Amino acid sequence: MVRLIEITVLDDLKEFMKLASECVSDIGVHTEDGQIADAKSILGLKAINYNKPIKVVTEDEKFLKRLDKWAVDMDYYDPAEFNKK
């Protein structure tokens, strides 16, 4: 399952990392420009570019639901644009 989210401030990134570390499932973070990081890796997440929304990939539906506050409104963001360079 995939969720498109937008993180804009450091406190949100810290909260996201905390939520990810509490989850038993694997969680991947993918950027528009092809960067991939483990959501439980502090170093990996700090290397990610957050200027645009990121994809969060996991099989944990409950975790994805906890990301509601950062969810990108799909009416304003075209996911087809995500993989274009």
N, C-alpha and C. Protein backbone atom coordinates (compact mmCIF):
# COMPACT_ATOMS: atom_id res chain seq x y z
N MET A 1 0.84 -1.17 0.00
CA MET A 1 0.00 0.00 0.00
C MET A 1 0.89 1.24 0.00
N VAL A 2 0.39 2.29 -0.60
CA VAL A 2 1.17 3.52 -0.76
C VAL A 2 0.35 4.71 -0.29
N ARG A 3 1.04 5.64 0.34
CA ARG A 3 0.40 6.90 0.77
C ARG A 3 1.33 8.04 0.40
N LEU A 4 0.79 9.07 -0.19
CA LEU A 4 1.56 10.26 -0.55
C LEU A 4 1.41 11.27 0.58
N ILE A 5 2.54 11.70 1.16
CA ILE A 5 2.50 12.65 2.26
C ILE A 5 3.46 13.80 1.99
N GLU A 6 3.27 14.87 2.74
CA GLU A 6 4.16 16.02 2.64
C GLU A 6 4.61 16.41 4.04
N ILE A 7 5.92 16.40 4.23
CA ILE A 7 6.52 16.79 5.51
C ILE A 7 7.29 18.08 5.25
N THR A 8 6.97 19.12 6.04
CA THR A 8 7.56 20.43 5.75
C THR A 8 8.42 20.98 6.89
N VAL A 9 8.26 20.45 8.10
CA VAL A 9 9.04 20.97 9.24
C VAL A 9 9.71 19.81 9.97
N LEU A 10 10.80 20.13 10.65
CA LEU A 10 11.59 19.11 11.35
C LEU A 10 10.78 18.36 12.40
N ASP A 11 9.91 19.05 13.11
CA ASP A 11 9.10 18.37 14.14
C ASP A 11 8.21 17.30 13.53
N ASP A 12 7.70 17.57 12.32
CA ASP A 12 6.89 16.56 11.63
C ASP A 12 7.74 15.35 11.25
N LEU A 13 8.96 15.59 10.81
CA LEU A 13 9.85 14.49 10.46
C LEU A 13 10.15 13.65 11.70
N LYS A 14 10.39 14.30 12.82
CA LYS A 14 10.65 13.58 14.08
C LYS A 14 9.45 12.73 14.46
N GLU A 15 8.25 13.30 14.33
CA GLU A 15 7.03 12.55 14.66
C GLU A 15 6.85 11.36 13.71
N PHE A 16 7.12 11.58 12.43
CA PHE A 16 7.03 10.50 11.45
C PHE A 16 8.00 9.37 11.80
N MET A 17 9.24 9.72 12.15
CA MET A 17 10.24 8.71 12.51
C MET A 17 9.80 7.93 13.75
N LYS A 18 9.21 8.62 14.71
CA LYS A 18 8.73 7.96 15.94
C LYS A 18 7.63 6.96 15.59
N LEU A 19 6.67 7.38 14.78
CA LEU A 19 5.59 6.49 14.37
C LEU A 19 6.14 5.27 13.62
N ALA A 20 7.09 5.51 12.73
CA ALA A 20 7.68 4.41 11.96
C ALA A 20 8.42 3.43 12.87
N SER A 21 9.13 3.95 13.86
CA SER A 21 9.89 3.06 14.75
C SER A 21 8.98 2.21 15.62
N GLU A 22 7.76 2.64 15.83
CA GLU A 22 6.79 1.87 16.63
C GLU A 22 6.10 0.78 15.81
N CYS A 23 6.27 0.81 14.52
CA CYS A 23 5.61 -0.13 13.61
C CYS A 23 6.50 -1.36 13.40
N VAL A 24 5.91 -2.55 13.41
CA VAL A 24 6.70 -3.77 13.21
C VAL A 24 6.95 -4.07 11.73
N SER A 25 6.14 -3.51 10.86
CA SER A 25 6.28 -3.75 9.41
C SER A 25 7.41 -2.92 8.81
N ASP A 26 7.90 -3.36 7.66
CA ASP A 26 8.87 -2.57 6.90
C ASP A 26 8.15 -1.36 6.32
N ILE A 27 8.84 -0.22 6.29
CA ILE A 27 8.27 1.01 5.74
C ILE A 27 9.34 1.67 4.88
N GLY A 28 9.00 1.91 3.63
CA GLY A 28 9.91 2.58 2.72
C GLY A 28 9.44 3.98 2.40
N VAL A 29 10.38 4.87 2.15
CA VAL A 29 10.09 6.24 1.74
C VAL A 29 10.73 6.45 0.38
N HIS A 30 9.94 6.91 -0.58
CA HIS A 30 10.42 7.11 -1.95
C HIS A 30 10.17 8.56 -2.35
N THR A 31 11.18 9.18 -2.97
CA THR A 31 11.02 10.56 -3.43
C THR A 31 10.77 10.57 -4.94
N GLU A 32 10.36 11.72 -5.39
CA GLU A 32 10.08 11.91 -6.82
C GLU A 32 11.33 11.71 -7.67
N ASP A 33 12.49 12.04 -7.12
CA ASP A 33 13.72 11.92 -7.90
C ASP A 33 14.45 10.58 -7.70
N GLY A 34 13.74 9.60 -7.16
CA GLY A 34 14.27 8.24 -7.09
C GLY A 34 15.01 7.87 -5.82
N GLN A 35 15.08 8.75 -4.84
CA GLN A 35 15.70 8.39 -3.56
C GLN A 35 14.79 7.43 -2.81
N ILE A 36 15.40 6.47 -2.13
CA ILE A 36 14.65 5.51 -1.32
C ILE A 36 15.33 5.39 0.03
N ALA A 37 14.52 5.38 1.09
CA ALA A 37 15.07 5.25 2.44
C ALA A 37 14.17 4.37 3.29
N ASP A 38 14.76 3.74 4.27
CA ASP A 38 14.02 3.01 5.28
C ASP A 38 13.46 4.04 6.25
N ALA A 39 12.17 4.02 6.49
CA ALA A 39 11.53 5.02 7.35
C ALA A 39 11.98 4.91 8.80
N LYS A 40 12.66 3.83 9.15
CA LYS A 40 13.14 3.65 10.51
C LYS A 40 14.60 4.04 10.65
N SER A 41 15.19 4.55 9.58
CA SER A 41 16.59 4.94 9.57
C SER A 41 16.71 6.46 9.66
N ILE A 42 17.26 6.94 10.76
CA ILE A 42 17.43 8.38 10.93
C ILE A 42 18.31 8.95 9.83
N LEU A 43 19.42 8.30 9.56
CA LEU A 43 20.32 8.79 8.51
C LEU A 43 19.66 8.77 7.14
N GLY A 44 18.93 7.70 6.86
CA GLY A 44 18.24 7.60 5.58
C GLY A 44 17.22 8.70 5.39
N LEU A 45 16.44 8.97 6.43
CA LEU A 45 15.41 10.00 6.33
C LEU A 45 16.00 11.40 6.26
N LYS A 46 17.12 11.61 6.89
CA LYS A 46 17.74 12.95 6.82
C LYS A 46 18.34 13.22 5.45
N ALA A 47 18.61 12.18 4.68
CA ALA A 47 19.19 12.36 3.35
C ALA A 47 18.12 12.64 2.28
N ILE A 48 16.87 12.45 2.63
CA ILE A 48 15.77 12.61 1.68
C ILE A 48 15.46 14.09 1.44
N ASN A 49 15.08 14.41 0.21
CA ASN A 49 14.66 15.75 -0.16
C ASN A 49 13.15 15.88 0.09
N TYR A 50 12.77 16.80 0.95
CA TYR A 50 11.35 16.97 1.31
C TYR A 50 10.71 18.19 0.65
N ASN A 51 11.30 18.67 -0.44
CA ASN A 51 10.72 19.81 -1.14
C ASN A 51 9.42 19.46 -1.86
N LYS A 52 9.22 18.18 -2.11
CA LYS A 52 8.00 17.71 -2.75
C LYS A 52 7.45 16.55 -1.92
N PRO A 53 6.20 16.18 -2.16
CA PRO A 53 5.63 15.05 -1.41
C PRO A 53 6.44 13.77 -1.61
N ILE A 54 6.36 12.89 -0.63
CA ILE A 54 7.05 11.61 -0.67
C ILE A 54 6.04 10.48 -0.62
N LYS A 55 6.42 9.33 -1.17
CA LYS A 55 5.59 8.13 -1.10
C LYS A 55 6.04 7.31 0.10
N VAL A 56 5.07 6.86 0.88
CA VAL A 56 5.34 5.95 1.99
C VAL A 56 4.76 4.61 1.58
N VAL A 57 5.60 3.57 1.61
CA VAL A 57 5.19 2.25 1.14
C VAL A 57 5.30 1.26 2.30
N THR A 58 4.19 0.58 2.60
CA THR A 58 4.17 -0.44 3.64
C THR A 58 2.92 -1.29 3.48
N GLU A 59 2.93 -2.45 4.12
CA GLU A 59 1.74 -3.30 4.12
C GLU A 59 0.89 -3.06 5.37
N ASP A 60 1.33 -2.14 6.23
CA ASP A 60 0.62 -1.85 7.48
C ASP A 60 -0.40 -0.74 7.28
N GLU A 61 -1.64 -1.13 7.09
CA GLU A 61 -2.72 -0.19 6.83
C GLU A 61 -2.94 0.77 8.00
N LYS A 62 -2.77 0.27 9.23
CA LYS A 62 -2.96 1.12 10.41
C LYS A 62 -1.90 2.22 10.45
N PHE A 63 -0.67 1.89 10.07
CA PHE A 63 0.38 2.90 10.04
C PHE A 63 0.04 3.99 9.03
N LEU A 64 -0.39 3.59 7.84
CA LEU A 64 -0.73 4.57 6.82
C LEU A 64 -1.86 5.50 7.28
N LYS A 65 -2.79 4.96 8.04
CA LYS A 65 -3.90 5.77 8.56
C LYS A 65 -3.37 6.83 9.53
N ARG A 66 -2.31 6.52 10.25
CA ARG A 66 -1.74 7.46 11.22
C ARG A 66 -1.05 8.64 10.54
N LEU A 67 -0.93 8.60 9.22
CA LEU A 67 -0.27 9.66 8.47
C LEU A 67 -1.25 10.69 7.92
N ASP A 68 -2.50 10.63 8.33
CA ASP A 68 -3.54 11.51 7.79
C ASP A 68 -3.17 12.99 7.82
N LYS A 69 -2.53 13.44 8.88
CA LYS A 69 -2.23 14.87 9.01
C LYS A 69 -1.27 15.38 7.95
N TRP A 70 -0.51 14.47 7.32
CA TRP A 70 0.44 14.87 6.29
C TRP A 70 -0.01 14.48 4.88
N ALA A 71 -1.15 13.85 4.78
CA ALA A 71 -1.63 13.34 3.49
C ALA A 71 -1.79 14.47 2.47
N VAL A 72 -1.38 14.19 1.25
CA VAL A 72 -1.52 15.14 0.16
C VAL A 72 -2.89 14.95 -0.47
N ASP A 73 -3.59 16.04 -0.66
CA ASP A 73 -4.91 16.00 -1.30
C ASP A 73 -4.71 15.66 -2.77
N MET A 74 -5.20 14.54 -3.18
CA MET A 74 -4.97 14.06 -4.54
C MET A 74 -5.64 14.96 -5.58
N ASP A 75 -6.56 15.84 -5.17
CA ASP A 75 -7.16 16.77 -6.11
C ASP A 75 -6.15 17.82 -6.57
N TYR A 76 -5.13 18.04 -5.74
CA TYR A 76 -4.15 19.08 -6.03
C TYR A 76 -2.79 18.52 -6.45
N TYR A 77 -2.61 17.24 -6.38
CA TYR A 77 -1.33 16.64 -6.73
C TYR A 77 -1.56 15.45 -7.64
N ASP A 78 -0.97 15.47 -8.79
CA ASP A 78 -1.13 14.41 -9.78
C ASP A 78 -0.08 13.34 -9.57
N PRO A 79 -0.45 12.16 -9.07
CA PRO A 79 0.55 11.11 -8.84
C PRO A 79 1.27 10.66 -10.10
N ALA A 80 0.69 10.90 -11.24
CA ALA A 80 1.36 10.54 -12.50
C ALA A 80 2.62 11.38 -12.68
N GLU A 81 2.63 12.57 -12.09
CA GLU A 81 3.79 13.45 -12.17
C GLU A 81 4.92 12.96 -11.27
N PHE A 82 4.61 12.11 -10.31
CA PHE A 82 5.58 11.70 -9.29
C PHE A 82 6.82 11.05 -9.90
N ASN A 83 6.66 10.21 -10.88
CA ASN A 83 7.79 9.47 -11.42
C ASN A 83 8.47 10.13 -12.62
N LYS A 84 8.00 11.31 -12.99
CA LYS A 84 8.63 12.03 -14.09
C LYS A 84 9.85 12.78 -13.56
N LYS A 85 10.87 12.86 -14.38
CA LYS A 85 12.08 13.59 -13.97
C LYS A 85 12.22 14.88 -14.75
